[in-house]
Amino acid sequence: MEKRGSLTVISGFAGVGKGTLVKKLLQDYDCYALSISATTRAPRPGEEHGREYFFVTKEEFEDKIKGEGFIEYAQYVGNYYGTPREYVEQQLSCGKDVILEIEIQGALQIKKKFPDSVLVYILPPSAKELEARLRGRGTETEEKIVARLSRAAKESEGLEEYDYIIVNDDIEAAKTRLHGVIQASHNAPVRNKEFIAKIREEVSGFAKGE
């Protein structure tokens, strides 16, 4: 049976460590391709255009929206974020499992367009640990930290929309659980409709006495 790439959406509260978790997944397994998002926010120290994000202007982003160049996009804390369509479609056709690291608005858009996608939400062990991780980054103002914590409270209302949750208490353990979830998803009936139809047709011959 020909392997078809799966589309997995990784979301999580700001500061939960989802970016680090995804990097570990890509380093340790060669079956994944990371879709790089475009954003209008400014680069953080150490980030590079085309590696962490495609950093674009608001005007450039909105032009791409008009040209249907994103499979999803959303605004988050005053900035646009979006997933370029061309790269995702190319990698899926090559049999790669594509990882999208996006927030909840975009994730739900993806689920509507790609019903067989897998939605995974990364959670911290506790709210106190989440706040400590956010403050420990040292990259944002107090105002931004408060905004992100407030956003986490709102996002928690949509967790039931996801297929799985993974607690990022230990990076290695969380990475292993995430890999297991994605690989197991290949066996779900919704992702094997053609094979099921083929088997159904073949075994129907037994019922007919053929």
C-alpha atoms as a PDB file:
ATOM      1  CA  MET A   1       0.000   0.000   0.000  1.00  0.00           C
ATOM      2  CA  GLU A   2       1.478   3.345  -1.039  1.00  0.00           C
ATOM      3  CA  LYS A   3       2.285   5.607   1.895  1.00  0.00           C
ATOM      4  CA  ARG A   4       0.554   8.959   1.848  1.00  0.00           C
ATOM      5  CA  GLY A   5       1.967  11.829   3.833  1.00  0.00           C
ATOM      6  CA  SER A   6      -0.097  13.007   6.777  1.00  0.00           C
ATOM      7  CA  LEU A   7      -0.731  16.578   7.819  1.00  0.00           C
ATOM      8  CA  THR A   8      -0.208  17.233  11.535  1.00  0.00           C
ATOM      9  CA  VAL A   9      -0.977  20.528  13.232  1.00  0.00           C
ATOM     10  CA  ILE A  10       0.957  21.293  16.423  1.00  0.00           C
ATOM     11  CA  SER A  11      -0.446  24.028  18.653  1.00  0.00           C
ATOM     12  CA  GLY A  12       0.187  25.134  22.203  1.00  0.00           C
ATOM     13  CA  PHE A  13       0.231  28.053  24.572  1.00  0.00           C
ATOM     14  CA  ALA A  14       2.989  30.591  23.932  1.00  0.00           C
ATOM     15  CA  GLY A  15       6.019  29.535  25.963  1.00  0.00           C
ATOM     16  CA  VAL A  16       5.031  25.884  26.302  1.00  0.00           C
ATOM     17  CA  GLY A  17       8.052  24.733  24.293  1.00  0.00           C
ATOM     18  CA  LYS A  18       6.295  23.513  21.156  1.00  0.00           C
ATOM     19  CA  GLY A  19       8.984  24.963  18.901  1.00  0.00           C
ATOM     20  CA  THR A  20      11.726  23.106  20.755  1.00  0.00           C
ATOM     21  CA  LEU A  21       9.656  19.925  20.670  1.00  0.00           C
ATOM     22  CA  VAL A  22       9.126  20.157  16.913  1.00  0.00           C
ATOM     23  CA  LYS A  23      12.857  20.767  16.350  1.00  0.00           C
ATOM     24  CA  LYS A  24      13.677  17.606  18.314  1.00  0.00           C
ATOM     25  CA  LEU A  25      11.172  15.634  16.246  1.00  0.00           C
ATOM     26  CA  LEU A  26      12.759  16.810  12.996  1.00  0.00           C
ATOM     27  CA  GLN A  27      16.284  16.126  14.249  1.00  0.00           C
ATOM     28  CA  ASP A  28      15.581  12.574  15.399  1.00  0.00           C
ATOM     29  CA  TYR A  29      13.322  11.306  12.576  1.00  0.00           C
ATOM     30  CA  ASP A  30      13.682  11.717   8.821  1.00  0.00           C
ATOM     31  CA  CYS A  31      10.040  11.170   7.857  1.00  0.00           C
ATOM     32  CA  TYR A  32       8.932  14.723   8.644  1.00  0.00           C
ATOM     33  CA  ALA A  33       8.888  18.028   6.803  1.00  0.00           C
ATOM     34  CA  LEU A  34       8.244  21.290   8.647  1.00  0.00           C
ATOM     35  CA  SER A  35       6.068  23.833   6.925  1.00  0.00           C
ATOM     36  CA  ILE A  36       7.538  27.268   7.564  1.00  0.00           C
ATOM     37  CA  SER A  37       4.908  29.890   8.270  1.00  0.00           C
ATOM     38  CA  ALA A  38       4.883  33.468   7.062  1.00  0.00           C
ATOM     39  CA  THR A  39       4.412  36.204   9.640  1.00  0.00           C
ATOM     40  CA  THR A  40       4.320  39.972   9.920  1.00  0.00           C
ATOM     41  CA  ARG A  41       5.900  40.021  13.394  1.00  0.00           C
ATOM     42  CA  ALA A  42       9.496  41.130  13.853  1.00  0.00           C
ATOM     43  CA  PRO A  43      12.218  38.454  14.123  1.00  0.00           C
ATOM     44  CA  ARG A  44      13.388  37.544  17.617  1.00  0.00           C
ATOM     45  CA  PRO A  45      17.124  37.422  18.360  1.00  0.00           C
ATOM     46  CA  GLY A  46      18.702  34.506  16.475  1.00  0.00           C
ATOM     47  CA  GLU A  47      15.777  33.960  14.095  1.00  0.00           C
ATOM     48  CA  GLU A  48      16.407  33.976  10.345  1.00  0.00           C
ATOM     49  CA  HIS A  49      14.144  34.619   7.379  1.00  0.00           C
ATOM     50  CA  GLY A  50      13.276  31.298   5.732  1.00  0.00           C
ATOM     51  CA  ARG A  51      14.316  29.206   8.735  1.00  0.00           C
ATOM     52  CA  GLU A  52      11.964  29.940  11.656  1.00  0.00           C
ATOM     53  CA  TYR A  53       9.535  32.057   9.585  1.00  0.00           C
ATOM     54  CA  PHE A  54       9.207  33.959   6.362  1.00  0.00           C
ATOM     55  CA  PHE A  55       9.167  37.517   7.718  1.00  0.00           C
ATOM     56  CA  VAL A  56       7.043  39.739   5.476  1.00  0.00           C
ATOM     57  CA  THR A  57       5.301  43.082   5.625  1.00  0.00           C
ATOM     58  CA  LYS A  58       1.586  43.447   6.275  1.00  0.00           C
ATOM     59  CA  GLU A  59       1.094  44.549   2.659  1.00  0.00           C
ATOM     60  CA  GLU A  60       2.939  41.502   1.292  1.00  0.00           C
ATOM     61  CA  PHE A  61       0.913  39.176   3.514  1.00  0.00           C
ATOM     62  CA  GLU A  62      -2.419  40.673   2.486  1.00  0.00           C
ATOM     63  CA  ASP A  63      -1.468  40.427  -1.215  1.00  0.00           C
ATOM     64  CA  LYS A  64      -0.853  36.701  -0.736  1.00  0.00           C
ATOM     65  CA  ILE A  65      -4.233  36.336   1.001  1.00  0.00           C
ATOM     66  CA  LYS A  66      -5.903  37.807  -2.082  1.00  0.00           C
ATOM     67  CA  GLY A  67      -4.028  35.346  -4.287  1.00  0.00           C
ATOM     68  CA  GLU A  68      -5.140  32.367  -2.127  1.00  0.00           C
ATOM     69  CA  GLY A  69      -1.521  31.610  -1.346  1.00  0.00           C
ATOM     70  CA  PHE A  70      -2.239  30.343   2.179  1.00  0.00           C
ATOM     71  CA  ILE A  71      -4.046  27.200   3.279  1.00  0.00           C
ATOM     72  CA  GLU A  72      -4.800  29.053   6.521  1.00  0.00           C
ATOM     73  CA  TYR A  73      -3.996  32.361   8.151  1.00  0.00           C
ATOM     74  CA  ALA A  74      -4.920  34.223  11.316  1.00  0.00           C
ATOM     75  CA  GLN A  75      -4.085  37.240  13.439  1.00  0.00           C
ATOM     76  CA  TYR A  76      -2.471  36.665  16.818  1.00  0.00           C
ATOM     77  CA  VAL A  77      -1.451  39.414  19.293  1.00  0.00           C
ATOM     78  CA  GLY A  78      -1.492  42.028  16.521  1.00  0.00           C
ATOM     79  CA  ASN A  79       0.361  40.093  13.814  1.00  0.00           C
ATOM     80  CA  TYR A  80      -0.556  37.909  10.845  1.00  0.00           C
ATOM     81  CA  TYR A  81       0.545  34.252  10.629  1.00  0.00           C
ATOM     82  CA  GLY A  82      -0.128  31.969   7.655  1.00  0.00           C
ATOM     83  CA  THR A  83       0.807  28.628   6.067  1.00  0.00           C
ATOM     84  CA  PRO A  84       2.013  28.815   2.429  1.00  0.00           C
ATOM     85  CA  ARG A  85       0.020  26.414   0.249  1.00  0.00           C
ATOM     86  CA  GLU A  86       2.606  25.320  -2.348  1.00  0.00           C
ATOM     87  CA  TYR A  87       5.177  23.766  -0.004  1.00  0.00           C
ATOM     88  CA  VAL A  88       2.618  21.745   1.982  1.00  0.00           C
ATOM     89  CA  GLU A  89       1.025  20.227  -1.106  1.00  0.00           C
ATOM     90  CA  GLN A  90       4.416  19.337  -2.579  1.00  0.00           C
ATOM     91  CA  GLN A  91       5.660  17.528   0.548  1.00  0.00           C
ATOM     92  CA  LEU A  92       2.437  15.561   1.074  1.00  0.00           C
ATOM     93  CA  SER A  93       2.591  14.310  -2.511  1.00  0.00           C
ATOM     94  CA  CYS A  94       6.146  13.067  -1.830  1.00  0.00           C
ATOM     95  CA  GLY A  95       4.935  10.990   1.132  1.00  0.00           C
ATOM     96  CA  LYS A  96       6.355  13.246   3.831  1.00  0.00           C
ATOM     97  CA  ASP A  97       4.507  13.815   7.099  1.00  0.00           C
ATOM     98  CA  VAL A  98       4.111  17.579   7.156  1.00  0.00           C
ATOM     99  CA  ILE A  99       4.206  19.403  10.496  1.00  0.00           C
ATOM    100  CA  LEU A 100       2.420  22.734  10.862  1.00  0.00           C
ATOM    101  CA  GLU A 101       3.187  24.709  14.008  1.00  0.00           C
ATOM    102  CA  ILE A 102       0.253  27.121  14.215  1.00  0.00           C
ATOM    103  CA  GLU A 103      -2.247  28.493  16.712  1.00  0.00           C
ATOM    104  CA  ILE A 104      -5.814  27.386  17.333  1.00  0.00           C
ATOM    105  CA  GLN A 105      -7.596  29.625  14.796  1.00  0.00           C
ATOM    106  CA  GLY A 106      -5.457  28.326  11.965  1.00  0.00           C
ATOM    107  CA  ALA A 107      -5.657  24.748  13.213  1.00  0.00           C
ATOM    108  CA  LEU A 108      -9.436  24.737  13.005  1.00  0.00           C
ATOM    109  CA  GLN A 109      -9.274  26.189   9.490  1.00  0.00           C
ATOM    110  CA  ILE A 110      -6.952  23.334   8.510  1.00  0.00           C
ATOM    111  CA  LYS A 111      -9.335  20.736   9.984  1.00  0.00           C
ATOM    112  CA  LYS A 112     -12.178  22.053   7.831  1.00  0.00           C
ATOM    113  CA  LYS A 113     -10.110  21.970   4.638  1.00  0.00           C
ATOM    114  CA  PHE A 114      -8.259  18.724   5.476  1.00  0.00           C
ATOM    115  CA  PRO A 115     -10.593  16.514   7.572  1.00  0.00           C
ATOM    116  CA  ASP A 116      -7.967  13.771   7.810  1.00  0.00           C
ATOM    117  CA  SER A 117      -5.379  16.085   9.394  1.00  0.00           C
ATOM    118  CA  VAL A 118      -4.192  15.367  12.949  1.00  0.00           C
ATOM    119  CA  LEU A 119      -4.496  18.134  15.534  1.00  0.00           C
ATOM    120  CA  VAL A 120      -2.173  17.921  18.568  1.00  0.00           C
ATOM    121  CA  TYR A 121      -2.099  20.446  21.402  1.00  0.00           C
ATOM    122  CA  ILE A 122       0.996  20.765  23.577  1.00  0.00           C
ATOM    123  CA  LEU A 123       0.320  21.611  27.235  1.00  0.00           C
ATOM    124  CA  PRO A 124       2.572  22.582  30.152  1.00  0.00           C
ATOM    125  CA  PRO A 125       2.612  20.527  33.371  1.00  0.00           C
ATOM    126  CA  SER A 126       0.969  23.491  35.154  1.00  0.00           C
ATOM    127  CA  ALA A 127      -0.004  27.139  34.684  1.00  0.00           C
ATOM    128  CA  LYS A 128       2.835  28.237  36.988  1.00  0.00           C
ATOM    129  CA  GLU A 129       5.347  26.402  34.821  1.00  0.00           C
ATOM    130  CA  LEU A 130       3.918  28.098  31.719  1.00  0.00           C
ATOM    131  CA  GLU A 131       4.401  31.549  33.263  1.00  0.00           C
ATOM    132  CA  ALA A 132       7.946  30.654  34.333  1.00  0.00           C
ATOM    133  CA  ARG A 133       8.853  29.538  30.801  1.00  0.00           C
ATOM    134  CA  LEU A 134       7.439  32.707  29.275  1.00  0.00           C
ATOM    135  CA  ARG A 135       9.371  34.939  31.656  1.00  0.00           C
ATOM    136  CA  GLY A 136      12.490  32.826  31.255  1.00  0.00           C
ATOM    137  CA  ARG A 137      12.679  33.578  27.532  1.00  0.00           C
ATOM    138  CA  GLY A 138      13.557  37.191  28.299  1.00  0.00           C
ATOM    139  CA  THR A 139      12.458  38.337  24.845  1.00  0.00           C
ATOM    140  CA  GLU A 140       9.203  40.149  25.587  1.00  0.00           C
ATOM    141  CA  THR A 141       7.848  43.054  27.602  1.00  0.00           C
ATOM    142  CA  GLU A 142       5.628  42.577  30.646  1.00  0.00           C
ATOM    143  CA  GLU A 143       2.691  43.759  28.550  1.00  0.00           C
ATOM    144  CA  LYS A 144       3.306  41.045  25.948  1.00  0.00           C
ATOM    145  CA  ILE A 145       3.691  38.380  28.632  1.00  0.00           C
ATOM    146  CA  VAL A 146       0.377  39.352  30.211  1.00  0.00           C
ATOM    147  CA  ALA A 147      -1.276  39.320  26.758  1.00  0.00           C
ATOM    148  CA  ARG A 148       0.046  35.808  26.039  1.00  0.00           C
ATOM    149  CA  LEU A 149      -1.107  34.458  29.411  1.00  0.00           C
ATOM    150  CA  SER A 150      -4.530  35.995  28.853  1.00  0.00           C
ATOM    151  CA  ARG A 151      -4.636  34.421  25.393  1.00  0.00           C
ATOM    152  CA  ALA A 152      -3.808  31.027  26.919  1.00  0.00           C
ATOM    153  CA  ALA A 153      -6.918  31.267  29.085  1.00  0.00           C
ATOM    154  CA  LYS A 154      -9.056  31.859  25.999  1.00  0.00           C
ATOM    155  CA  GLU A 155      -7.363  29.123  23.961  1.00  0.00           C
ATOM    156  CA  SER A 156      -7.974  26.563  26.696  1.00  0.00           C
ATOM    157  CA  GLU A 157     -11.674  26.747  25.836  1.00  0.00           C
ATOM    158  CA  GLY A 158     -10.983  25.133  22.449  1.00  0.00           C
ATOM    159  CA  LEU A 159      -8.859  22.175  23.511  1.00  0.00           C
ATOM    160  CA  GLU A 160     -11.627  19.652  22.934  1.00  0.00           C
ATOM    161  CA  GLU A 161     -11.467  20.445  19.208  1.00  0.00           C
ATOM    162  CA  TYR A 162      -8.062  18.722  19.022  1.00  0.00           C
ATOM    163  CA  ASP A 163      -7.468  15.014  18.442  1.00  0.00           C
ATOM    164  CA  TYR A 164      -4.717  14.643  21.059  1.00  0.00           C
ATOM    165  CA  ILE A 165      -3.014  16.523  23.874  1.00  0.00           C
ATOM    166  CA  ILE A 166       0.602  15.985  24.951  1.00  0.00           C
ATOM    167  CA  VAL A 167       2.066  17.374  28.168  1.00  0.00           C
ATOM    168  CA  ASN A 168       5.561  18.754  27.624  1.00  0.00           C
ATOM    169  CA  ASP A 169       7.004  17.895  31.033  1.00  0.00           C
ATOM    170  CA  ASP A 170      10.148  16.256  29.657  1.00  0.00           C
ATOM    171  CA  ILE A 171      11.264  17.080  26.109  1.00  0.00           C
ATOM    172  CA  GLU A 172      12.489  13.574  25.189  1.00  0.00           C
ATOM    173  CA  ALA A 173       9.401  11.840  26.553  1.00  0.00           C
ATOM    174  CA  ALA A 174       7.084  14.359  24.894  1.00  0.00           C
ATOM    175  CA  LYS A 175       8.917  13.935  21.569  1.00  0.00           C
ATOM    176  CA  THR A 176       8.507  10.150  21.709  1.00  0.00           C
ATOM    177  CA  ARG A 177       4.792  10.444  22.497  1.00  0.00           C
ATOM    178  CA  LEU A 178       4.289  12.937  19.662  1.00  0.00           C
ATOM    179  CA  HIS A 179       6.054  10.686  17.141  1.00  0.00           C
ATOM    180  CA  GLY A 180       3.934   7.743  18.257  1.00  0.00           C
ATOM    181  CA  VAL A 181       0.691   9.677  17.847  1.00  0.00           C
ATOM    182  CA  ILE A 182       1.561  10.841  14.331  1.00  0.00           C
ATOM    183  CA  GLN A 183       2.698   7.443  13.107  1.00  0.00           C
ATOM    184  CA  ALA A 184      -0.334   5.681  14.617  1.00  0.00           C
ATOM    185  CA  SER A 185      -2.589   8.135  12.787  1.00  0.00           C
ATOM    186  CA  HIS A 186      -1.582   6.546   9.468  1.00  0.00           C
ATOM    187  CA  ASN A 187      -3.668   3.525  10.450  1.00  0.00           C
ATOM    188  CA  ALA A 188      -6.918   5.402  11.057  1.00  0.00           C
ATOM    189  CA  PRO A 189      -9.726   4.371   8.652  1.00  0.00           C
ATOM    190  CA  VAL A 190     -10.305   7.997   7.590  1.00  0.00           C
ATOM    191  CA  ARG A 191      -6.742   8.033   6.195  1.00  0.00           C
ATOM    192  CA  ASN A 192      -7.083   4.697   4.368  1.00  0.00           C
ATOM    193  CA  LYS A 193     -10.318   5.068   2.436  1.00  0.00           C
ATOM    194  CA  GLU A 194      -8.933   3.832  -0.886  1.00  0.00           C
ATOM    195  CA  PHE A 195      -7.377   0.724   0.665  1.00  0.00           C
ATOM    196  CA  ILE A 196     -10.574  -0.035   2.613  1.00  0.00           C
ATOM    197  CA  ALA A 197     -12.636   0.295  -0.562  1.00  0.00           C
ATOM    198  CA  LYS A 198     -10.277  -2.061  -2.373  1.00  0.00           C
ATOM    199  CA  ILE A 199     -10.442  -4.718   0.373  1.00  0.00           C
ATOM    200  CA  ARG A 200     -14.217  -4.340   0.645  1.00  0.00           C
ATOM    201  CA  GLU A 201     -14.604  -4.950  -3.058  1.00  0.00           C
ATOM    202  CA  GLU A 202     -12.333  -8.003  -2.949  1.00  0.00           C
ATOM    203  CA  VAL A 203     -13.984  -9.659   0.053  1.00  0.00           C
ATOM    204  CA  SER A 204     -17.454  -9.002  -1.342  1.00  0.00           C
ATOM    205  CA  GLY A 205     -16.628 -11.787  -3.768  1.00  0.00           C
ATOM    206  CA  PHE A 206     -16.737 -14.293  -0.890  1.00  0.00           C
ATOM    207  CA  ALA A 207     -20.290 -13.296  -0.070  1.00  0.00           C
ATOM    208  CA  LYS A 208     -21.262 -13.885  -3.686  1.00  0.00           C
ATOM    209  CA  GLY A 209     -19.548 -17.264  -3.739  1.00  0.00           C
ATOM    210  CA  GLU A 210     -16.942 -16.165  -6.273  1.00  0.00           C
END
